[in-house]
Amino acid sequence: MTTPFDDLLELAGLDSERIALEHSRGVLPARVSLDALRDRFAEIERARQLLEPERAPLASSLAALEVEVGHLAERRAQVEGRLAAATGGGRELAAMHTEARHLVEKMGELEDQELELMEALEPLETRLGALRAEAAPMVAERDTLLAQLADQEAALVATLEAQRAARAEVAGRLEAGLLARYERIAAREGTGAARLEHGTCGGCHLSLSSSEVDRLRHLPADELSSCDQCERFLVRPDQLSS
């Protein structure tokens, strides 16, 4: 049969377990992995944002050149079509030949510029592509981790519910006034009782003075005592049922 002192220590043990369980909510394996994944994704996004200001003007210039080359190609096709259909000579024919040569030269210059821009863009696009490739599977990984986190949190909630039921059963064995005093201390300290071992409070882990230890040693076995430092109930070895 247990004693109130056994029950006090069991209640304190359950409260310590509850505190540890509640703390574990923030460090569940899936949550830790999810936080690490989010940090890595944020690093990728920061890297992308650093590259984008360098890439964007080059890409914009390249797009503008492609449009201009396209317009020149259309005009060249028109001129060459008129030349193919022309018969005879004259100034107009010479002007078309001149324009055709000019278009070819201009297109050559722009295509050289396009090549330079593409060469400048290539390493940036390669790096951005690598970042996108690294980020792509993170979406699926995130969904997997979110599902795992939901399972782990559900398991934790179930454990906490079972733990609360066990605590209620132990608390029900204590006299109302004693339980009320325990709860007041536990509300402040986390637990309301601790074992006294080798002159040290098992709650705050501070050593009692030798005179206080001697005083406690001579108390009746059924008398409650408290820690001078944290005010938890101190349960002495001789007060336990076994």
C-alpha atoms as a PDB file:
ATOM      1  CA  MET A   1       0.000   0.000   0.000  1.00  0.00           C
ATOM      2  CA  THR A   2       1.348   3.402  -0.903  1.00  0.00           C
ATOM      3  CA  THR A   3       1.721   6.291   1.520  1.00  0.00           C
ATOM      4  CA  PRO A   4       0.959   9.972   0.878  1.00  0.00           C
ATOM      5  CA  PHE A   5       4.706  10.442   0.523  1.00  0.00           C
ATOM      6  CA  ASP A   6       4.834   7.800  -2.211  1.00  0.00           C
ATOM      7  CA  ASP A   7       1.925   9.556  -3.909  1.00  0.00           C
ATOM      8  CA  LEU A   8       3.603  12.950  -3.661  1.00  0.00           C
ATOM      9  CA  LEU A   9       6.734  11.643  -5.360  1.00  0.00           C
ATOM     10  CA  GLU A  10       4.697   9.789  -7.987  1.00  0.00           C
ATOM     11  CA  LEU A  11       2.737  12.962  -8.694  1.00  0.00           C
ATOM     12  CA  ALA A  12       5.987  14.933  -8.997  1.00  0.00           C
ATOM     13  CA  GLY A  13       7.362  12.288 -11.355  1.00  0.00           C
ATOM     14  CA  LEU A  14       4.263  12.527 -13.544  1.00  0.00           C
ATOM     15  CA  ASP A  15       4.546  16.312 -13.594  1.00  0.00           C
ATOM     16  CA  SER A  16       8.195  16.085 -14.626  1.00  0.00           C
ATOM     17  CA  GLU A  17       7.196  13.660 -17.371  1.00  0.00           C
ATOM     18  CA  ARG A  18       4.455  16.033 -18.560  1.00  0.00           C
ATOM     19  CA  ILE A  19       6.879  18.957 -18.702  1.00  0.00           C
ATOM     20  CA  ALA A  20       9.310  16.871 -20.750  1.00  0.00           C
ATOM     21  CA  LEU A  21       6.525  15.748 -23.089  1.00  0.00           C
ATOM     22  CA  GLU A  22       5.303  19.308 -23.621  1.00  0.00           C
ATOM     23  CA  HIS A  23       8.861  20.440 -24.284  1.00  0.00           C
ATOM     24  CA  SER A  24       9.285  17.636 -26.811  1.00  0.00           C
ATOM     25  CA  ARG A  25       6.494  19.135 -28.926  1.00  0.00           C
ATOM     26  CA  GLY A  26       8.955  21.746 -30.195  1.00  0.00           C
ATOM     27  CA  VAL A  27      11.655  19.189 -30.983  1.00  0.00           C
ATOM     28  CA  LEU A  28       9.669  16.372 -32.576  1.00  0.00           C
ATOM     29  CA  PRO A  29      11.881  14.694 -35.220  1.00  0.00           C
ATOM     30  CA  ALA A  30       9.628  15.739 -38.104  1.00  0.00           C
ATOM     31  CA  ARG A  31       9.479  19.322 -36.813  1.00  0.00           C
ATOM     32  CA  VAL A  32      13.276  19.520 -36.562  1.00  0.00           C
ATOM     33  CA  SER A  33      13.605  18.137 -40.098  1.00  0.00           C
ATOM     34  CA  LEU A  34      10.919  20.501 -41.362  1.00  0.00           C
ATOM     35  CA  ASP A  35      12.687  23.503 -39.827  1.00  0.00           C
ATOM     36  CA  ALA A  36      15.971  22.402 -41.414  1.00  0.00           C
ATOM     37  CA  LEU A  37      14.218  21.996 -44.770  1.00  0.00           C
ATOM     38  CA  ARG A  38      12.715  25.479 -44.507  1.00  0.00           C
ATOM     39  CA  ASP A  39      16.114  26.929 -43.622  1.00  0.00           C
ATOM     40  CA  ARG A  40      17.681  25.275 -46.670  1.00  0.00           C
ATOM     41  CA  PHE A  41      14.874  26.479 -48.918  1.00  0.00           C
ATOM     42  CA  ALA A  42      15.390  29.999 -47.544  1.00  0.00           C
ATOM     43  CA  GLU A  43      19.106  29.723 -48.366  1.00  0.00           C
ATOM     44  CA  ILE A  44      18.242  28.687 -51.926  1.00  0.00           C
ATOM     45  CA  GLU A  45      15.845  31.611 -52.248  1.00  0.00           C
ATOM     46  CA  ARG A  46      18.469  34.043 -50.948  1.00  0.00           C
ATOM     47  CA  ALA A  47      20.981  32.671 -53.471  1.00  0.00           C
ATOM     48  CA  ARG A  48      18.414  33.050 -56.251  1.00  0.00           C
ATOM     49  CA  GLN A  49      17.675  36.619 -55.231  1.00  0.00           C
ATOM     50  CA  LEU A  50      21.388  37.439 -55.337  1.00  0.00           C
ATOM     51  CA  LEU A  51      21.697  36.023 -58.858  1.00  0.00           C
ATOM     52  CA  GLU A  52      18.511  37.521 -60.259  1.00  0.00           C
ATOM     53  CA  PRO A  53      19.623  41.198 -60.334  1.00  0.00           C
ATOM     54  CA  GLU A  54      22.642  40.146 -62.404  1.00  0.00           C
ATOM     55  CA  ARG A  55      20.666  37.851 -64.702  1.00  0.00           C
ATOM     56  CA  ALA A  56      17.591  40.012 -65.282  1.00  0.00           C
ATOM     57  CA  PRO A  57      19.184  42.879 -67.262  1.00  0.00           C
ATOM     58  CA  LEU A  58      21.173  40.428 -69.388  1.00  0.00           C
ATOM     59  CA  ALA A  59      18.047  38.412 -70.140  1.00  0.00           C
ATOM     60  CA  SER A  60      16.103  41.588 -70.897  1.00  0.00           C
ATOM     61  CA  SER A  61      18.798  42.809 -73.290  1.00  0.00           C
ATOM     62  CA  LEU A  62      18.926  39.425 -74.983  1.00  0.00           C
ATOM     63  CA  ALA A  63      15.150  39.399 -75.438  1.00  0.00           C
ATOM     64  CA  ALA A  64      15.242  42.890 -76.936  1.00  0.00           C
ATOM     65  CA  LEU A  65      17.994  41.855 -79.334  1.00  0.00           C
ATOM     66  CA  GLU A  66      16.029  38.793 -80.405  1.00  0.00           C
ATOM     67  CA  VAL A  67      13.037  40.992 -81.185  1.00  0.00           C
ATOM     68  CA  GLU A  68      15.219  43.406 -83.156  1.00  0.00           C
ATOM     69  CA  VAL A  69      16.902  40.573 -85.063  1.00  0.00           C
ATOM     70  CA  GLY A  70      13.470  39.181 -85.843  1.00  0.00           C
ATOM     71  CA  HIS A  71      12.332  42.503 -87.276  1.00  0.00           C
ATOM     72  CA  LEU A  72      15.503  42.767 -89.365  1.00  0.00           C
ATOM     73  CA  ALA A  73      15.014  39.216 -90.619  1.00  0.00           C
ATOM     74  CA  GLU A  74      11.477  40.075 -91.711  1.00  0.00           C
ATOM     75  CA  ARG A  75      12.694  43.177 -93.499  1.00  0.00           C
ATOM     76  CA  ARG A  76      15.518  41.245 -95.140  1.00  0.00           C
ATOM     77  CA  ALA A  77      13.088  38.628 -96.384  1.00  0.00           C
ATOM     78  CA  GLN A  78      10.908  41.376 -97.863  1.00  0.00           C
ATOM     79  CA  VAL A  79      13.859  43.036 -99.617  1.00  0.00           C
ATOM     80  CA  GLU A  80      15.240  39.781-100.924  1.00  0.00           C
ATOM     81  CA  GLY A  81      11.787  38.862-102.196  1.00  0.00           C
ATOM     82  CA  ARG A  82      11.527  42.112-104.075  1.00  0.00           C
ATOM     83  CA  LEU A  83      15.040  41.606-105.467  1.00  0.00           C
ATOM     84  CA  ALA A  84      14.142  38.141-106.687  1.00  0.00           C
ATOM     85  CA  ALA A  85      11.080  39.506-108.415  1.00  0.00           C
ATOM     86  CA  ALA A  86      12.794  42.567-109.884  1.00  0.00           C
ATOM     87  CA  THR A  87      13.717  42.783-113.549  1.00  0.00           C
ATOM     88  CA  GLY A  88      16.137  45.254-115.004  1.00  0.00           C
ATOM     89  CA  GLY A  89      18.308  47.696-113.049  1.00  0.00           C
ATOM     90  CA  GLY A  90      18.191  51.269-111.935  1.00  0.00           C
ATOM     91  CA  ARG A  91      18.611  53.185-108.727  1.00  0.00           C
ATOM     92  CA  GLU A  92      15.781  51.427-106.923  1.00  0.00           C
ATOM     93  CA  LEU A  93      17.385  48.032-107.525  1.00  0.00           C
ATOM     94  CA  ALA A  94      20.770  49.332-106.335  1.00  0.00           C
ATOM     95  CA  ALA A  95      19.129  50.766-103.228  1.00  0.00           C
ATOM     96  CA  MET A  96      17.568  47.380-102.441  1.00  0.00           C
ATOM     97  CA  HIS A  97      20.943  45.666-102.846  1.00  0.00           C
ATOM     98  CA  THR A  98      22.481  48.225-100.515  1.00  0.00           C
ATOM     99  CA  GLU A  99      19.710  47.772 -97.951  1.00  0.00           C
ATOM    100  CA  ALA A 100      20.024  43.998 -98.156  1.00  0.00           C
ATOM    101  CA  ARG A 101      23.775  44.190 -97.445  1.00  0.00           C
ATOM    102  CA  HIS A 102      23.149  46.615 -94.603  1.00  0.00           C
ATOM    103  CA  LEU A 103      20.554  44.272 -93.101  1.00  0.00           C
ATOM    104  CA  VAL A 104      22.930  41.337 -93.297  1.00  0.00           C
ATOM    105  CA  GLU A 105      25.703  43.351 -91.625  1.00  0.00           C
ATOM    106  CA  LYS A 106      23.380  44.686 -88.927  1.00  0.00           C
ATOM    107  CA  MET A 107      22.001  41.231 -88.215  1.00  0.00           C
ATOM    108  CA  GLY A 108      25.535  39.907 -87.944  1.00  0.00           C
ATOM    109  CA  GLU A 109      26.428  42.598 -85.398  1.00  0.00           C
ATOM    110  CA  LEU A 110      23.317  41.902 -83.346  1.00  0.00           C
ATOM    111  CA  GLU A 111      23.870  38.155 -83.479  1.00  0.00           C
ATOM    112  CA  ASP A 112      27.414  38.721 -82.162  1.00  0.00           C
ATOM    113  CA  GLN A 113      25.927  40.734 -79.315  1.00  0.00           C
ATOM    114  CA  GLU A 114      23.415  37.956 -78.701  1.00  0.00           C
ATOM    115  CA  LEU A 115      26.256  35.463 -78.476  1.00  0.00           C
ATOM    116  CA  GLU A 116      28.108  37.617 -75.942  1.00  0.00           C
ATOM    117  CA  LEU A 117      24.968  37.958 -73.824  1.00  0.00           C
ATOM    118  CA  MET A 118      24.274  34.217 -73.981  1.00  0.00           C
ATOM    119  CA  GLU A 119      27.833  33.488 -72.879  1.00  0.00           C
ATOM    120  CA  ALA A 120      27.416  35.907 -69.964  1.00  0.00           C
ATOM    121  CA  LEU A 121      24.051  34.386 -69.074  1.00  0.00           C
ATOM    122  CA  GLU A 122      25.127  30.750 -69.288  1.00  0.00           C
ATOM    123  CA  PRO A 123      26.832  30.415 -65.871  1.00  0.00           C
ATOM    124  CA  LEU A 124      24.026  32.360 -64.215  1.00  0.00           C
ATOM    125  CA  GLU A 125      21.356  30.201 -65.807  1.00  0.00           C
ATOM    126  CA  THR A 126      23.324  27.084 -64.881  1.00  0.00           C
ATOM    127  CA  ARG A 127      23.488  28.171 -61.250  1.00  0.00           C
ATOM    128  CA  LEU A 128      19.796  29.108 -61.214  1.00  0.00           C
ATOM    129  CA  GLY A 129      18.943  25.782 -62.809  1.00  0.00           C
ATOM    130  CA  ALA A 130      20.909  23.972 -60.121  1.00  0.00           C
ATOM    131  CA  LEU A 131      19.070  25.920 -57.424  1.00  0.00           C
ATOM    132  CA  ARG A 132      15.701  25.099 -58.999  1.00  0.00           C
ATOM    133  CA  ALA A 133      16.663  21.433 -59.263  1.00  0.00           C
ATOM    134  CA  GLU A 134      17.654  21.398 -55.598  1.00  0.00           C
ATOM    135  CA  ALA A 135      14.436  23.116 -54.533  1.00  0.00           C
ATOM    136  CA  ALA A 136      12.065  21.001 -56.667  1.00  0.00           C
ATOM    137  CA  PRO A 137      12.010  17.837 -54.499  1.00  0.00           C
ATOM    138  CA  MET A 138      11.640  19.926 -51.349  1.00  0.00           C
ATOM    139  CA  VAL A 139       7.919  20.348 -51.978  1.00  0.00           C
ATOM    140  CA  ALA A 140       7.324  16.598 -51.805  1.00  0.00           C
ATOM    141  CA  GLU A 141       9.701  16.285 -48.868  1.00  0.00           C
ATOM    142  CA  ARG A 142       7.832  19.053 -47.043  1.00  0.00           C
ATOM    143  CA  ASP A 143       4.496  17.303 -47.581  1.00  0.00           C
ATOM    144  CA  THR A 144       5.953  14.045 -46.271  1.00  0.00           C
ATOM    145  CA  LEU A 145       7.351  15.764 -43.193  1.00  0.00           C
ATOM    146  CA  LEU A 146       4.059  17.565 -42.537  1.00  0.00           C
ATOM    147  CA  ALA A 147       2.263  14.210 -42.579  1.00  0.00           C
ATOM    148  CA  GLN A 148       4.884  12.732 -40.247  1.00  0.00           C
ATOM    149  CA  LEU A 149       4.581  15.735 -37.953  1.00  0.00           C
ATOM    150  CA  ALA A 150       0.809  15.302 -37.769  1.00  0.00           C
ATOM    151  CA  ASP A 151       1.290  11.638 -36.773  1.00  0.00           C
ATOM    152  CA  GLN A 152       3.946  12.486 -34.187  1.00  0.00           C
ATOM    153  CA  GLU A 153       1.826  15.257 -32.674  1.00  0.00           C
ATOM    154  CA  ALA A 154      -1.194  12.945 -32.514  1.00  0.00           C
ATOM    155  CA  ALA A 155       0.916  10.319 -30.724  1.00  0.00           C
ATOM    156  CA  LEU A 156       2.177  12.968 -28.317  1.00  0.00           C
ATOM    157  CA  VAL A 157      -1.352  14.175 -27.584  1.00  0.00           C
ATOM    158  CA  ALA A 158      -2.430  10.594 -26.888  1.00  0.00           C
ATOM    159  CA  THR A 159       0.508  10.116 -24.530  1.00  0.00           C
ATOM    160  CA  LEU A 160      -0.283  13.379 -22.729  1.00  0.00           C
ATOM    161  CA  GLU A 161      -3.919  12.356 -22.347  1.00  0.00           C
ATOM    162  CA  ALA A 162      -2.888   9.018 -20.841  1.00  0.00           C
ATOM    163  CA  GLN A 163      -0.413  10.818 -18.617  1.00  0.00           C
ATOM    164  CA  ARG A 164      -3.101  13.264 -17.419  1.00  0.00           C
ATOM    165  CA  ALA A 165      -5.396  10.351 -16.595  1.00  0.00           C
ATOM    166  CA  ALA A 166      -2.625   8.697 -14.558  1.00  0.00           C
ATOM    167  CA  ARG A 167      -1.958  11.987 -12.768  1.00  0.00           C
ATOM    168  CA  ALA A 168      -5.634  12.424 -11.920  1.00  0.00           C
ATOM    169  CA  GLU A 169      -5.692   8.936 -10.412  1.00  0.00           C
ATOM    170  CA  VAL A 170      -2.655   9.652  -8.207  1.00  0.00           C
ATOM    171  CA  ALA A 171      -3.898  13.124  -7.243  1.00  0.00           C
ATOM    172  CA  GLY A 172      -7.217  11.573  -6.195  1.00  0.00           C
ATOM    173  CA  ARG A 173      -5.423   9.543  -3.547  1.00  0.00           C
ATOM    174  CA  LEU A 174      -4.123  12.660  -1.762  1.00  0.00           C
ATOM    175  CA  GLU A 175      -6.002  14.534   0.934  1.00  0.00           C
ATOM    176  CA  ALA A 176      -7.575  17.705  -0.510  1.00  0.00           C
ATOM    177  CA  GLY A 177      -5.582  20.173   1.592  1.00  0.00           C
ATOM    178  CA  LEU A 178      -2.280  18.422   0.848  1.00  0.00           C
ATOM    179  CA  LEU A 179      -3.075  18.290  -2.857  1.00  0.00           C
ATOM    180  CA  ALA A 180      -3.966  21.979  -2.877  1.00  0.00           C
ATOM    181  CA  ARG A 181      -0.604  22.843  -1.264  1.00  0.00           C
ATOM    182  CA  TYR A 182       1.187  20.614  -3.777  1.00  0.00           C
ATOM    183  CA  GLU A 183      -0.582  22.261  -6.718  1.00  0.00           C
ATOM    184  CA  ARG A 184       0.335  25.768  -5.505  1.00  0.00           C
ATOM    185  CA  ILE A 185       4.007  24.809  -5.391  1.00  0.00           C
ATOM    186  CA  ALA A 186       3.850  22.945  -8.704  1.00  0.00           C
ATOM    187  CA  ALA A 187       2.253  25.953 -10.397  1.00  0.00           C
ATOM    188  CA  ARG A 188       5.401  27.905  -9.567  1.00  0.00           C
ATOM    189  CA  GLU A 189       8.129  25.258  -9.684  1.00  0.00           C
ATOM    190  CA  GLY A 190       6.760  22.709 -12.154  1.00  0.00           C
ATOM    191  CA  THR A 191       6.659  19.989  -9.507  1.00  0.00           C
ATOM    192  CA  GLY A 192       5.566  20.226  -5.891  1.00  0.00           C
ATOM    193  CA  ALA A 193       7.607  17.492  -4.237  1.00  0.00           C
ATOM    194  CA  ALA A 194      11.093  16.041  -4.422  1.00  0.00           C
ATOM    195  CA  ARG A 195      13.176  13.314  -2.835  1.00  0.00           C
ATOM    196  CA  LEU A 196      15.781  14.239  -0.236  1.00  0.00           C
ATOM    197  CA  GLU A 197      18.955  12.318  -0.957  1.00  0.00           C
ATOM    198  CA  HIS A 198      22.393  12.822   0.546  1.00  0.00           C
ATOM    199  CA  GLY A 199      21.371  16.204   1.906  1.00  0.00           C
ATOM    200  CA  THR A 200      20.269  17.521  -1.504  1.00  0.00           C
ATOM    201  CA  CYS A 201      16.809  18.505  -2.711  1.00  0.00           C
ATOM    202  CA  GLY A 202      15.942  16.479  -5.818  1.00  0.00           C
ATOM    203  CA  GLY A 203      13.853  19.381  -7.114  1.00  0.00           C
ATOM    204  CA  CYS A 204      16.137  22.420  -7.066  1.00  0.00           C
ATOM    205  CA  HIS A 205      19.308  20.292  -6.635  1.00  0.00           C
ATOM    206  CA  LEU A 206      20.632  22.562  -3.916  1.00  0.00           C
ATOM    207  CA  SER A 207      22.331  21.158  -0.821  1.00  0.00           C
ATOM    208  CA  LEU A 208      20.747  21.732   2.548  1.00  0.00           C
ATOM    209  CA  SER A 209      22.827  22.907   5.465  1.00  0.00           C
ATOM    210  CA  SER A 210      24.124  20.196   7.762  1.00  0.00           C
ATOM    211  CA  SER A 211      22.008  21.569  10.606  1.00  0.00           C
ATOM    212  CA  GLU A 212      18.869  21.412   8.454  1.00  0.00           C
ATOM    213  CA  VAL A 213      19.673  17.858   7.363  1.00  0.00           C
ATOM    214  CA  ASP A 214      20.129  16.887  10.992  1.00  0.00           C
ATOM    215  CA  ARG A 215      16.818  18.517  11.935  1.00  0.00           C
ATOM    216  CA  LEU A 216      14.968  16.643   9.211  1.00  0.00           C
ATOM    217  CA  ARG A 217      16.562  13.381  10.238  1.00  0.00           C
ATOM    218  CA  HIS A 218      14.998  13.698  13.690  1.00  0.00           C
ATOM    219  CA  LEU A 219      11.480  14.557  12.514  1.00  0.00           C
ATOM    220  CA  PRO A 220       8.696  11.979  12.995  1.00  0.00           C
ATOM    221  CA  ALA A 221       8.314   9.721   9.965  1.00  0.00           C
ATOM    222  CA  ASP A 222       4.805  11.029   9.263  1.00  0.00           C
ATOM    223  CA  GLU A 223       5.713  14.739   9.380  1.00  0.00           C
ATOM    224  CA  LEU A 224       5.939  16.743   6.161  1.00  0.00           C
ATOM    225  CA  SER A 225       8.948  18.936   5.511  1.00  0.00           C
ATOM    226  CA  SER A 226       9.850  21.410   2.793  1.00  0.00           C
ATOM    227  CA  CYS A 227      12.959  22.642   1.024  1.00  0.00           C
ATOM    228  CA  ASP A 228      14.053  26.043   2.298  1.00  0.00           C
ATOM    229  CA  GLN A 229      15.137  27.031  -1.215  1.00  0.00           C
ATOM    230  CA  CYS A 230      12.268  25.989  -3.534  1.00  0.00           C
ATOM    231  CA  GLU A 231       9.561  25.145  -0.948  1.00  0.00           C
ATOM    232  CA  ARG A 232       8.859  21.753  -2.531  1.00  0.00           C
ATOM    233  CA  PHE A 233       7.762  19.004  -0.177  1.00  0.00           C
ATOM    234  CA  LEU A 234      10.848  17.022   0.759  1.00  0.00           C
ATOM    235  CA  VAL A 235      10.250  13.282   0.989  1.00  0.00           C
ATOM    236  CA  ARG A 236      12.813  11.458   3.082  1.00  0.00           C
ATOM    237  CA  PRO A 237      13.857   7.868   2.343  1.00  0.00           C
ATOM    238  CA  ASP A 238      12.362   6.615   5.614  1.00  0.00           C
ATOM    239  CA  GLN A 239       8.927   7.984   4.608  1.00  0.00           C
ATOM    240  CA  LEU A 240       8.602   5.746   1.562  1.00  0.00           C
ATOM    241  CA  SER A 241       6.840   2.395   1.634  1.00  0.00           C
ATOM    242  CA  SER A 242       9.778   0.656  -0.008  1.00  0.00           C
END
